[in-house]
Amino acid sequence: MGVVDNLCYPFFCGGVILIASKNKDLFINEQIRAKEVMVIGPNGEQLGIKTTEDALTLANYAGYDLVLINPKNTPPVCKIMDYNKYKYEIKKKQKENMKKQRENNLDIKEYRLSVNIDKHDFDTRVRNARKYLEKGHKIKASIRFRGREMVHPELGKETLLRFAEDLSDVSEIEKQPSLEGRVMSLLLAPKKTK
């Protein structure tokens, strides 16, 4: 329960075993326990191997933090940088990735129709699909052919195209009607707003 959240992870760093909590994955400034570190400057230039005290002095002089980037290297690699800005940029990238992921994972709502669907049932499905499309989700309309209906697949295609035509003001056809086994389906996507 709460014990899992407070787990600590030990790792080896320049002859010293360091314990990093799950929340803090990078050590900064006085948290670095190695005697010598490879220092990288704020602009990416290598400043060489320095004692931790010298590296901290350089970082303080530059007005930045000393951050342990690669603890497993020998000697450990530290970079002089603005740690708060670094964390902010990482959070910003994570938010952008989550936003892109949400856009890519939109729900697909499936509506099942039949070849001889009643007009009222058809209109109800169109009305519900319109609401769903306006929210930005995709619609999959499908018809399952039963028994002798399989002889006339063109009737199912007409029904699906009529469904798409009734929703043409808020959607566009992403995948034309196609028959797979006994099921014919059509995929509609919301119209892109400019």
N, C-alpha and C. Protein backbone atom coordinates (compact mmCIF):
# COMPACT_ATOMS: atom_id res chain seq x y z
N MET A 1 0.85 -1.19 0.00
CA MET A 1 0.00 0.00 0.00
C MET A 1 0.88 1.24 0.00
N GLY A 2 1.02 1.93 1.13
CA GLY A 2 1.88 3.11 1.20
C GLY A 2 3.35 2.74 1.21
N VAL A 3 3.66 1.47 1.55
CA VAL A 3 5.05 1.03 1.62
C VAL A 3 5.67 1.00 0.23
N VAL A 4 4.89 0.62 -0.78
CA VAL A 4 5.40 0.52 -2.14
C VAL A 4 5.86 1.88 -2.65
N ASP A 5 5.16 2.96 -2.30
CA ASP A 5 5.50 4.28 -2.77
C ASP A 5 6.84 4.78 -2.24
N ASN A 6 7.26 4.30 -1.08
CA ASN A 6 8.47 4.80 -0.45
C ASN A 6 9.67 3.89 -0.67
N LEU A 7 9.63 3.05 -1.71
CA LEU A 7 10.75 2.16 -1.98
C LEU A 7 11.99 2.96 -2.34
N CYS A 8 13.15 2.45 -1.98
CA CYS A 8 14.41 3.07 -2.33
C CYS A 8 15.19 2.12 -3.21
N TYR A 9 15.99 2.66 -4.13
CA TYR A 9 16.73 1.87 -5.07
C TYR A 9 18.22 2.12 -4.89
N PRO A 10 19.00 1.11 -4.41
CA PRO A 10 20.44 1.32 -4.25
C PRO A 10 21.15 1.14 -5.58
N PHE A 11 22.23 1.92 -5.82
CA PHE A 11 23.09 1.70 -6.96
C PHE A 11 24.50 2.16 -6.62
N PHE A 12 25.47 1.65 -7.36
CA PHE A 12 26.87 1.87 -7.09
C PHE A 12 27.34 3.13 -7.80
N CYS A 13 28.07 4.01 -7.11
CA CYS A 13 28.53 5.27 -7.69
C CYS A 13 29.93 5.58 -7.19
N GLY A 14 30.94 5.32 -8.00
CA GLY A 14 32.30 5.71 -7.66
C GLY A 14 32.78 5.19 -6.32
N GLY A 15 32.53 3.92 -6.01
CA GLY A 15 33.00 3.35 -4.76
C GLY A 15 32.03 3.56 -3.60
N VAL A 16 30.91 4.26 -3.82
CA VAL A 16 29.95 4.55 -2.76
C VAL A 16 28.59 4.02 -3.21
N ILE A 17 27.86 3.37 -2.33
CA ILE A 17 26.51 2.93 -2.65
C ILE A 17 25.55 4.08 -2.35
N LEU A 18 24.82 4.49 -3.40
CA LEU A 18 23.85 5.58 -3.24
C LEU A 18 22.45 5.00 -3.25
N ILE A 19 21.58 5.64 -2.54
CA ILE A 19 20.19 5.20 -2.50
C ILE A 19 19.33 6.34 -3.03
N ALA A 20 18.67 6.08 -4.15
CA ALA A 20 17.80 7.09 -4.76
C ALA A 20 16.35 6.68 -4.52
N SER A 21 15.57 7.61 -4.07
CA SER A 21 14.15 7.30 -3.89
C SER A 21 13.47 7.33 -5.25
N LYS A 22 12.28 6.76 -5.32
CA LYS A 22 11.55 6.71 -6.57
C LYS A 22 11.21 8.12 -7.06
N ASN A 23 10.95 9.04 -6.15
CA ASN A 23 10.56 10.40 -6.52
C ASN A 23 11.74 11.22 -7.02
N LYS A 24 12.93 11.05 -6.41
CA LYS A 24 14.11 11.81 -6.82
C LYS A 24 15.03 10.86 -7.56
N ASP A 25 15.10 10.99 -8.87
CA ASP A 25 15.93 10.07 -9.62
C ASP A 25 17.31 10.66 -9.91
N LEU A 26 17.53 11.96 -9.74
CA LEU A 26 18.83 12.59 -9.97
C LEU A 26 19.31 13.25 -8.68
N PHE A 27 20.59 13.08 -8.40
CA PHE A 27 21.18 13.73 -7.25
C PHE A 27 21.72 15.09 -7.66
N ILE A 28 21.58 16.09 -6.79
CA ILE A 28 22.09 17.42 -7.09
C ILE A 28 22.94 17.93 -5.93
N ASN A 29 23.90 18.78 -6.29
CA ASN A 29 24.76 19.49 -5.34
C ASN A 29 25.32 18.60 -4.23
N GLU A 30 24.98 18.85 -2.97
CA GLU A 30 25.58 18.13 -1.84
C GLU A 30 25.12 16.68 -1.73
N GLN A 31 24.13 16.28 -2.49
CA GLN A 31 23.67 14.89 -2.46
C GLN A 31 24.65 13.96 -3.16
N ILE A 32 25.53 14.50 -3.98
CA ILE A 32 26.50 13.70 -4.72
C ILE A 32 27.61 13.28 -3.76
N ARG A 33 27.84 11.96 -3.61
CA ARG A 33 28.77 11.45 -2.62
C ARG A 33 30.09 10.95 -3.23
N ALA A 34 30.23 10.95 -4.54
CA ALA A 34 31.47 10.47 -5.16
C ALA A 34 32.60 11.45 -4.89
N LYS A 35 33.85 10.94 -4.83
CA LYS A 35 35.00 11.81 -4.56
C LYS A 35 35.40 12.60 -5.79
N GLU A 36 35.39 11.93 -6.96
CA GLU A 36 35.74 12.59 -8.21
C GLU A 36 34.62 12.38 -9.21
N VAL A 37 34.39 13.39 -10.04
CA VAL A 37 33.34 13.32 -11.06
C VAL A 37 33.85 13.91 -12.37
N MET A 38 33.32 13.41 -13.48
CA MET A 38 33.56 14.02 -14.79
C MET A 38 32.55 15.14 -14.92
N VAL A 39 33.03 16.37 -15.20
CA VAL A 39 32.15 17.54 -15.21
C VAL A 39 31.90 17.99 -16.64
N ILE A 40 30.63 18.23 -16.95
CA ILE A 40 30.22 18.80 -18.24
C ILE A 40 29.66 20.18 -17.95
N GLY A 41 30.11 21.17 -18.70
CA GLY A 41 29.70 22.55 -18.48
C GLY A 41 28.27 22.82 -18.92
N PRO A 42 27.76 24.03 -18.65
CA PRO A 42 26.37 24.36 -18.99
C PRO A 42 26.10 24.38 -20.50
N ASN A 43 27.16 24.58 -21.31
CA ASN A 43 26.98 24.60 -22.77
C ASN A 43 27.36 23.29 -23.42
N GLY A 44 27.61 22.25 -22.63
CA GLY A 44 27.92 20.93 -23.16
C GLY A 44 29.40 20.64 -23.29
N GLU A 45 30.26 21.58 -22.92
CA GLU A 45 31.71 21.36 -23.03
C GLU A 45 32.20 20.51 -21.86
N GLN A 46 33.19 19.65 -22.13
CA GLN A 46 33.76 18.82 -21.08
C GLN A 46 34.81 19.60 -20.32
N LEU A 47 34.66 19.63 -19.01
CA LEU A 47 35.61 20.35 -18.16
C LEU A 47 36.60 19.42 -17.49
N GLY A 48 36.48 18.11 -17.72
CA GLY A 48 37.43 17.14 -17.19
C GLY A 48 37.01 16.56 -15.86
N ILE A 49 37.92 15.77 -15.30
CA ILE A 49 37.66 15.11 -14.02
C ILE A 49 38.07 16.07 -12.90
N LYS A 50 37.15 16.30 -11.99
CA LYS A 50 37.38 17.23 -10.86
C LYS A 50 36.91 16.55 -9.59
N THR A 51 37.39 17.06 -8.46
CA THR A 51 36.83 16.59 -7.19
C THR A 51 35.43 17.17 -7.07
N THR A 52 34.62 16.53 -6.27
CA THR A 52 33.23 16.98 -6.12
C THR A 52 33.18 18.40 -5.56
N GLU A 53 34.07 18.73 -4.64
CA GLU A 53 34.09 20.08 -4.07
C GLU A 53 34.40 21.13 -5.14
N ASP A 54 35.39 20.83 -6.02
CA ASP A 54 35.73 21.77 -7.10
C ASP A 54 34.56 21.92 -8.08
N ALA A 55 33.91 20.80 -8.37
CA ALA A 55 32.77 20.84 -9.29
C ALA A 55 31.63 21.67 -8.71
N LEU A 56 31.39 21.52 -7.40
CA LEU A 56 30.35 22.32 -6.73
C LEU A 56 30.70 23.80 -6.75
N THR A 57 31.98 24.12 -6.57
CA THR A 57 32.42 25.51 -6.62
C THR A 57 32.20 26.11 -8.00
N LEU A 58 32.53 25.32 -9.04
CA LEU A 58 32.29 25.78 -10.42
C LEU A 58 30.80 26.04 -10.67
N ALA A 59 29.97 25.11 -10.20
CA ALA A 59 28.52 25.24 -10.40
C ALA A 59 27.98 26.47 -9.67
N ASN A 60 28.42 26.67 -8.43
CA ASN A 60 27.98 27.85 -7.67
C ASN A 60 28.44 29.14 -8.33
N TYR A 61 29.66 29.13 -8.83
CA TYR A 61 30.22 30.31 -9.48
C TYR A 61 29.41 30.67 -10.74
N ALA A 62 28.97 29.62 -11.46
CA ALA A 62 28.18 29.85 -12.67
C ALA A 62 26.72 30.15 -12.34
N GLY A 63 26.29 29.94 -11.10
CA GLY A 63 24.90 30.21 -10.72
C GLY A 63 23.96 29.06 -11.05
N TYR A 64 24.51 27.86 -11.21
CA TYR A 64 23.72 26.68 -11.56
C TYR A 64 23.87 25.60 -10.50
N ASP A 65 23.23 24.44 -10.79
CA ASP A 65 23.33 23.28 -9.90
C ASP A 65 24.25 22.25 -10.54
N LEU A 66 24.85 21.42 -9.71
CA LEU A 66 25.63 20.28 -10.18
C LEU A 66 24.71 19.07 -10.11
N VAL A 67 24.46 18.44 -11.26
CA VAL A 67 23.49 17.34 -11.33
C VAL A 67 24.20 16.07 -11.77
N LEU A 68 23.97 14.99 -11.03
CA LEU A 68 24.56 13.69 -11.35
C LEU A 68 23.74 13.07 -12.49
N ILE A 69 24.35 13.00 -13.67
CA ILE A 69 23.64 12.50 -14.86
C ILE A 69 23.81 10.99 -15.01
N ASN A 70 25.05 10.52 -14.93
CA ASN A 70 25.32 9.10 -15.14
C ASN A 70 26.12 8.55 -13.97
N PRO A 71 25.46 7.98 -12.96
CA PRO A 71 26.18 7.49 -11.77
C PRO A 71 26.94 6.20 -12.01
N LYS A 72 26.61 5.45 -13.07
CA LYS A 72 27.22 4.14 -13.29
C LYS A 72 28.56 4.25 -14.02
N ASN A 73 28.85 5.38 -14.60
CA ASN A 73 30.11 5.58 -15.30
C ASN A 73 31.25 5.69 -14.27
N THR A 74 32.49 5.44 -14.70
CA THR A 74 33.63 5.60 -13.79
C THR A 74 34.56 6.64 -14.38
N PRO A 75 34.74 7.80 -13.85
CA PRO A 75 34.04 8.36 -12.70
C PRO A 75 32.62 8.81 -13.10
N PRO A 76 31.74 9.01 -12.13
CA PRO A 76 30.36 9.44 -12.44
C PRO A 76 30.36 10.77 -13.20
N VAL A 77 29.37 10.91 -14.09
CA VAL A 77 29.28 12.12 -14.91
C VAL A 77 28.27 13.09 -14.30
N CYS A 78 28.72 14.35 -14.12
CA CYS A 78 27.85 15.40 -13.58
C CYS A 78 27.79 16.53 -14.60
N LYS A 79 26.67 17.21 -14.63
CA LYS A 79 26.52 18.34 -15.53
C LYS A 79 26.12 19.57 -14.72
N ILE A 80 26.68 20.71 -15.13
CA ILE A 80 26.31 21.98 -14.51
C ILE A 80 25.12 22.53 -15.29
N MET A 81 23.98 22.67 -14.61
CA MET A 81 22.75 23.13 -15.28
C MET A 81 21.78 23.70 -14.27
N ASP A 82 20.75 24.36 -14.80
CA ASP A 82 19.65 24.85 -13.96
C ASP A 82 18.67 23.69 -13.77
N TYR A 83 18.71 23.05 -12.61
CA TYR A 83 17.94 21.83 -12.36
C TYR A 83 16.44 22.08 -12.42
N ASN A 84 15.97 23.19 -11.88
CA ASN A 84 14.53 23.48 -11.91
C ASN A 84 14.03 23.66 -13.34
N LYS A 85 14.82 24.31 -14.19
CA LYS A 85 14.45 24.47 -15.60
C LYS A 85 14.42 23.11 -16.29
N TYR A 86 15.38 22.27 -15.97
CA TYR A 86 15.45 20.92 -16.54
C TYR A 86 14.20 20.12 -16.18
N LYS A 87 13.81 20.15 -14.89
CA LYS A 87 12.60 19.44 -14.46
C LYS A 87 11.36 19.99 -15.15
N TYR A 88 11.29 21.32 -15.30
CA TYR A 88 10.15 21.96 -15.95
C TYR A 88 10.04 21.49 -17.40
N GLU A 89 11.17 21.45 -18.12
CA GLU A 89 11.15 21.02 -19.52
C GLU A 89 10.73 19.56 -19.65
N ILE A 90 11.17 18.72 -18.71
CA ILE A 90 10.77 17.31 -18.75
C ILE A 90 9.27 17.18 -18.52
N LYS A 91 8.72 17.92 -17.55
CA LYS A 91 7.27 17.87 -17.31
C LYS A 91 6.50 18.36 -18.52
N LYS A 92 7.01 19.41 -19.17
CA LYS A 92 6.36 19.96 -20.36
C LYS A 92 6.34 18.93 -21.49
N LYS A 93 7.45 18.22 -21.70
CA LYS A 93 7.51 17.19 -22.72
C LYS A 93 6.55 16.06 -22.41
N GLN A 94 6.47 15.67 -21.12
CA GLN A 94 5.56 14.60 -20.73
C GLN A 94 4.11 14.99 -20.99
N LYS A 95 3.76 16.26 -20.71
CA LYS A 95 2.40 16.73 -20.97
C LYS A 95 2.09 16.71 -22.46
N GLU A 96 3.06 17.14 -23.28
CA GLU A 96 2.85 17.13 -24.73
C GLU A 96 2.68 15.70 -25.24
N ASN A 97 3.49 14.77 -24.71
CA ASN A 97 3.36 13.37 -25.13
C ASN A 97 2.02 12.79 -24.72
N MET A 98 1.56 13.14 -23.51
CA MET A 98 0.24 12.66 -23.06
C MET A 98 -0.87 13.22 -23.94
N LYS A 99 -0.74 14.49 -24.32
CA LYS A 99 -1.74 15.12 -25.18
C LYS A 99 -1.79 14.42 -26.54
N LYS A 100 -0.62 14.15 -27.11
CA LYS A 100 -0.57 13.45 -28.40
C LYS A 100 -1.14 12.05 -28.28
N GLN A 101 -0.84 11.40 -27.16
CA GLN A 101 -1.34 10.05 -26.95
C GLN A 101 -2.86 10.04 -26.84
N ARG A 102 -3.42 11.04 -26.15
CA ARG A 102 -4.88 11.13 -26.04
C ARG A 102 -5.51 11.37 -27.40
N GLU A 103 -4.87 12.22 -28.23
CA GLU A 103 -5.41 12.49 -29.56
C GLU A 103 -5.39 11.23 -30.41
N ASN A 104 -4.33 10.41 -30.26
CA ASN A 104 -4.22 9.19 -31.06
C ASN A 104 -5.14 8.09 -30.58
N ASN A 105 -5.48 8.09 -29.31
CA ASN A 105 -6.29 7.02 -28.74
C ASN A 105 -7.75 7.41 -28.55
N LEU A 106 -8.32 8.10 -29.51
CA LEU A 106 -9.73 8.46 -29.40
C LEU A 106 -10.58 7.19 -29.46
N ASP A 107 -11.67 7.22 -28.76
CA ASP A 107 -12.55 6.07 -28.72
C ASP A 107 -13.24 5.87 -30.07
N ILE A 108 -13.53 4.61 -30.36
CA ILE A 108 -14.32 4.27 -31.55
C ILE A 108 -15.60 3.65 -31.05
N LYS A 109 -16.70 4.28 -31.37
CA LYS A 109 -18.02 3.80 -30.97
C LYS A 109 -18.61 3.02 -32.14
N GLU A 110 -19.09 1.82 -31.86
CA GLU A 110 -19.64 1.00 -32.94
C GLU A 110 -21.17 1.02 -32.90
N TYR A 111 -21.76 1.22 -34.06
CA TYR A 111 -23.21 1.17 -34.22
C TYR A 111 -23.53 0.03 -35.17
N ARG A 112 -24.39 -0.88 -34.71
CA ARG A 112 -24.79 -2.01 -35.53
C ARG A 112 -26.11 -1.70 -36.20
N LEU A 113 -26.10 -1.85 -37.48
CA LEU A 113 -27.30 -1.63 -38.29
C LEU A 113 -27.69 -2.98 -38.88
N SER A 114 -28.83 -3.01 -39.55
CA SER A 114 -29.21 -4.22 -40.29
C SER A 114 -29.72 -3.80 -41.66
N VAL A 115 -29.78 -4.77 -42.55
CA VAL A 115 -30.19 -4.47 -43.93
C VAL A 115 -31.61 -3.90 -43.95
N ASN A 116 -32.51 -4.46 -43.16
CA ASN A 116 -33.90 -4.00 -43.15
C ASN A 116 -34.22 -3.25 -41.85
N ILE A 117 -33.39 -2.26 -41.52
CA ILE A 117 -33.59 -1.48 -40.29
C ILE A 117 -34.77 -0.53 -40.47
N ASP A 118 -35.54 -0.36 -39.42
CA ASP A 118 -36.69 0.54 -39.44
C ASP A 118 -36.19 1.99 -39.49
N LYS A 119 -36.95 2.88 -40.10
CA LYS A 119 -36.55 4.28 -40.26
C LYS A 119 -36.33 4.96 -38.91
N HIS A 120 -37.20 4.70 -37.93
CA HIS A 120 -37.06 5.32 -36.61
C HIS A 120 -35.77 4.86 -35.93
N ASP A 121 -35.47 3.55 -35.99
CA ASP A 121 -34.23 3.03 -35.39
C ASP A 121 -33.01 3.63 -36.09
N PHE A 122 -33.09 3.76 -37.40
CA PHE A 122 -31.99 4.33 -38.17
C PHE A 122 -31.74 5.78 -37.75
N ASP A 123 -32.82 6.56 -37.64
CA ASP A 123 -32.69 7.97 -37.26
C ASP A 123 -32.13 8.12 -35.84
N THR A 124 -32.52 7.22 -34.92
CA THR A 124 -32.01 7.26 -33.56
C THR A 124 -30.50 7.01 -33.54
N ARG A 125 -30.05 6.02 -34.32
CA ARG A 125 -28.61 5.74 -34.39
C ARG A 125 -27.84 6.91 -35.02
N VAL A 126 -28.41 7.54 -36.02
CA VAL A 126 -27.77 8.70 -36.65
C VAL A 126 -27.65 9.84 -35.64
N ARG A 127 -28.72 10.08 -34.88
CA ARG A 127 -28.72 11.17 -33.90
C ARG A 127 -27.67 10.92 -32.80
N ASN A 128 -27.59 9.67 -32.30
CA ASN A 128 -26.60 9.33 -31.28
C ASN A 128 -25.17 9.40 -31.83
N ALA A 129 -24.98 8.94 -33.05
CA ALA A 129 -23.66 8.98 -33.67
C ALA A 129 -23.21 10.42 -33.89
N ARG A 130 -24.13 11.30 -34.22
CA ARG A 130 -23.80 12.71 -34.43
C ARG A 130 -23.24 13.33 -33.14
N LYS A 131 -23.87 13.03 -32.01
CA LYS A 131 -23.39 13.56 -30.72
C LYS A 131 -21.97 13.06 -30.43
N TYR A 132 -21.75 11.81 -30.72
CA TYR A 132 -20.45 11.22 -30.46
C TYR A 132 -19.37 11.81 -31.38
N LEU A 133 -19.71 12.03 -32.65
CA LEU A 133 -18.77 12.64 -33.60
C LEU A 133 -18.44 14.07 -33.21
N GLU A 134 -19.43 14.79 -32.69
CA GLU A 134 -19.19 16.18 -32.28
C GLU A 134 -18.23 16.27 -31.10
N LYS A 135 -18.13 15.19 -30.31
CA LYS A 135 -17.17 15.15 -29.20
C LYS A 135 -15.76 14.85 -29.71
N GLY A 136 -15.62 14.48 -30.99
CA GLY A 136 -14.31 14.22 -31.57
C GLY A 136 -13.93 12.75 -31.66
N HIS A 137 -14.88 11.84 -31.47
CA HIS A 137 -14.58 10.42 -31.54
C HIS A 137 -14.96 9.85 -32.90
N LYS A 138 -14.44 8.67 -33.18
CA LYS A 138 -14.72 8.00 -34.45
C LYS A 138 -15.92 7.07 -34.29
N ILE A 139 -16.56 6.78 -35.43
CA ILE A 139 -17.73 5.92 -35.45
C ILE A 139 -17.48 4.76 -36.42
N LYS A 140 -17.80 3.56 -35.96
CA LYS A 140 -17.75 2.39 -36.83
C LYS A 140 -19.17 1.87 -36.97
N ALA A 141 -19.67 1.89 -38.19
CA ALA A 141 -21.01 1.36 -38.46
C ALA A 141 -20.84 0.00 -39.12
N SER A 142 -21.57 -1.00 -38.64
CA SER A 142 -21.41 -2.34 -39.19
C SER A 142 -22.75 -3.02 -39.38
N ILE A 143 -22.77 -3.90 -40.35
CA ILE A 143 -23.96 -4.71 -40.63
C ILE A 143 -23.53 -6.16 -40.67
N ARG A 144 -24.21 -7.01 -39.91
CA ARG A 144 -23.93 -8.45 -39.93
C ARG A 144 -25.02 -9.11 -40.76
N PHE A 145 -24.59 -9.75 -41.83
CA PHE A 145 -25.54 -10.42 -42.73
C PHE A 145 -25.90 -11.78 -42.15
N ARG A 146 -27.22 -12.03 -42.09
CA ARG A 146 -27.71 -13.29 -41.56
C ARG A 146 -28.42 -14.07 -42.65
N GLY A 147 -28.13 -15.36 -42.71
CA GLY A 147 -28.83 -16.25 -43.65
C GLY A 147 -28.75 -15.79 -45.09
N ARG A 148 -29.94 -15.60 -45.70
CA ARG A 148 -30.04 -15.27 -47.12
C ARG A 148 -29.65 -13.81 -47.41
N GLU A 149 -29.47 -12.97 -46.39
CA GLU A 149 -29.05 -11.58 -46.61
C GLU A 149 -27.68 -11.52 -47.28
N MET A 150 -26.89 -12.58 -47.13
CA MET A 150 -25.55 -12.62 -47.69
C MET A 150 -25.58 -12.59 -49.22
N VAL A 151 -26.70 -12.95 -49.81
CA VAL A 151 -26.83 -12.97 -51.27
C VAL A 151 -26.82 -11.55 -51.83
N HIS A 152 -27.29 -10.57 -51.04
CA HIS A 152 -27.39 -9.18 -51.51
C HIS A 152 -26.58 -8.23 -50.62
N PRO A 153 -25.25 -8.28 -50.71
CA PRO A 153 -24.43 -7.39 -49.88
C PRO A 153 -24.56 -5.91 -50.30
N GLU A 154 -25.03 -5.68 -51.54
CA GLU A 154 -25.20 -4.29 -52.00
C GLU A 154 -26.26 -3.55 -51.18
N LEU A 155 -27.24 -4.28 -50.62
CA LEU A 155 -28.25 -3.65 -49.77
C LEU A 155 -27.61 -3.13 -48.47
N GLY A 156 -26.70 -3.90 -47.91
CA GLY A 156 -25.99 -3.47 -46.71
C GLY A 156 -25.10 -2.27 -47.01
N LYS A 157 -24.46 -2.28 -48.18
CA LYS A 157 -23.59 -1.17 -48.56
C LYS A 157 -24.41 0.11 -48.72
N GLU A 158 -25.61 -0.01 -49.30
CA GLU A 158 -26.49 1.16 -49.46
C GLU A 158 -26.87 1.73 -48.09
N THR A 159 -27.19 0.85 -47.13
CA THR A 159 -27.56 1.29 -45.79
C THR A 159 -26.40 2.02 -45.12
N LEU A 160 -25.19 1.48 -45.24
CA LEU A 160 -24.02 2.12 -44.63
C LEU A 160 -23.72 3.47 -45.27
N LEU A 161 -23.84 3.55 -46.60
CA LEU A 161 -23.58 4.82 -47.30
C LEU A 161 -24.64 5.86 -46.96
N ARG A 162 -25.89 5.40 -46.75
CA ARG A 162 -26.95 6.33 -46.34
C ARG A 162 -26.66 6.85 -44.93
N PHE A 163 -26.15 5.97 -44.04
CA PHE A 163 -25.75 6.37 -42.69
C PHE A 163 -24.66 7.43 -42.76
N ALA A 164 -23.66 7.20 -43.62
CA ALA A 164 -22.55 8.16 -43.77
C ALA A 164 -23.04 9.47 -44.38
N GLU A 165 -23.99 9.38 -45.31
CA GLU A 165 -24.52 10.59 -45.95
C GLU A 165 -25.30 11.45 -44.96
N ASP A 166 -26.06 10.82 -44.07
CA ASP A 166 -26.81 11.57 -43.07
C ASP A 166 -25.88 12.27 -42.07
N LEU A 167 -24.66 11.76 -41.92
CA LEU A 167 -23.69 12.36 -41.00
C LEU A 167 -22.59 13.14 -41.73
N SER A 168 -22.76 13.40 -43.01
CA SER A 168 -21.71 14.02 -43.82
C SER A 168 -21.39 15.45 -43.39
N ASP A 169 -22.32 16.13 -42.69
CA ASP A 169 -22.04 17.50 -42.25
C ASP A 169 -21.06 17.55 -41.08
N VAL A 170 -20.95 16.46 -40.30
CA VAL A 170 -20.04 16.44 -39.16
C VAL A 170 -18.94 15.38 -39.28
N SER A 171 -18.95 14.60 -40.36
CA SER A 171 -17.96 13.53 -40.48
C SER A 171 -17.53 13.33 -41.92
N GLU A 172 -16.44 12.59 -42.06
CA GLU A 172 -15.98 12.18 -43.38
C GLU A 172 -15.65 10.69 -43.31
N ILE A 173 -15.75 10.03 -44.44
CA ILE A 173 -15.52 8.59 -44.48
C ILE A 173 -14.01 8.33 -44.43
N GLU A 174 -13.59 7.62 -43.39
CA GLU A 174 -12.17 7.27 -43.26
C GLU A 174 -11.88 5.95 -43.94
N LYS A 175 -12.83 5.02 -43.88
CA LYS A 175 -12.67 3.71 -44.51
C LYS A 175 -13.99 3.35 -45.18
N GLN A 176 -13.94 3.15 -46.48
CA GLN A 176 -15.13 2.81 -47.26
C GLN A 176 -15.71 1.47 -46.78
N PRO A 177 -17.00 1.21 -47.06
CA PRO A 177 -17.59 -0.06 -46.64
C PRO A 177 -16.83 -1.25 -47.23
N SER A 178 -16.47 -2.18 -46.36
CA SER A 178 -15.76 -3.38 -46.82
C SER A 178 -16.36 -4.60 -46.13
N LEU A 179 -16.37 -5.69 -46.86
CA LEU A 179 -16.97 -6.92 -46.37
C LEU A 179 -15.88 -7.85 -45.86
N GLU A 180 -15.98 -8.26 -44.61
CA GLU A 180 -15.05 -9.21 -44.01
C GLU A 180 -15.88 -10.35 -43.42
N GLY A 181 -15.89 -11.46 -44.10
CA GLY A 181 -16.72 -12.57 -43.68
C GLY A 181 -18.18 -12.23 -43.87
N ARG A 182 -18.95 -12.23 -42.79
CA ARG A 182 -20.37 -11.87 -42.86
C ARG A 182 -20.64 -10.46 -42.37
N VAL A 183 -19.59 -9.69 -42.06
CA VAL A 183 -19.76 -8.34 -41.52
C VAL A 183 -19.21 -7.31 -42.49
N MET A 184 -20.04 -6.31 -42.79
CA MET A 184 -19.61 -5.19 -43.61
C MET A 184 -19.52 -3.98 -42.68
N SER A 185 -18.40 -3.26 -42.77
CA SER A 185 -18.24 -2.13 -41.85
C SER A 185 -17.74 -0.90 -42.58
N LEU A 186 -17.97 0.24 -41.94
CA LEU A 186 -17.62 1.56 -42.46
C LEU A 186 -17.06 2.36 -41.29
N LEU A 187 -16.00 3.14 -41.51
CA LEU A 187 -15.40 3.94 -40.43
C LEU A 187 -15.55 5.41 -40.77
N LEU A 188 -16.13 6.16 -39.83
CA LEU A 188 -16.32 7.61 -39.99
C LEU A 188 -15.46 8.35 -38.97
N ALA A 189 -14.83 9.43 -39.42
CA ALA A 189 -14.03 10.28 -38.53
C ALA A 189 -14.64 11.65 -38.52
N PRO A 190 -14.51 12.38 -37.40
CA PRO A 190 -15.05 13.75 -37.35
C PRO A 190 -14.31 14.64 -38.35
N LYS A 191 -15.03 15.62 -38.90
CA LYS A 191 -14.41 16.57 -39.83
C LYS A 191 -13.40 17.41 -39.09
N LYS A 192 -12.29 17.68 -39.73
CA LYS A 192 -11.26 18.52 -39.14
C LYS A 192 -11.72 19.97 -39.15
N THR A 193 -11.63 20.63 -38.00
CA THR A 193 -12.00 22.05 -37.93
C THR A 193 -10.79 22.89 -38.27
N LYS A 194 -10.98 23.92 -39.06
CA LYS A 194 -9.86 24.77 -39.48
C LYS A 194 -9.84 26.05 -38.74
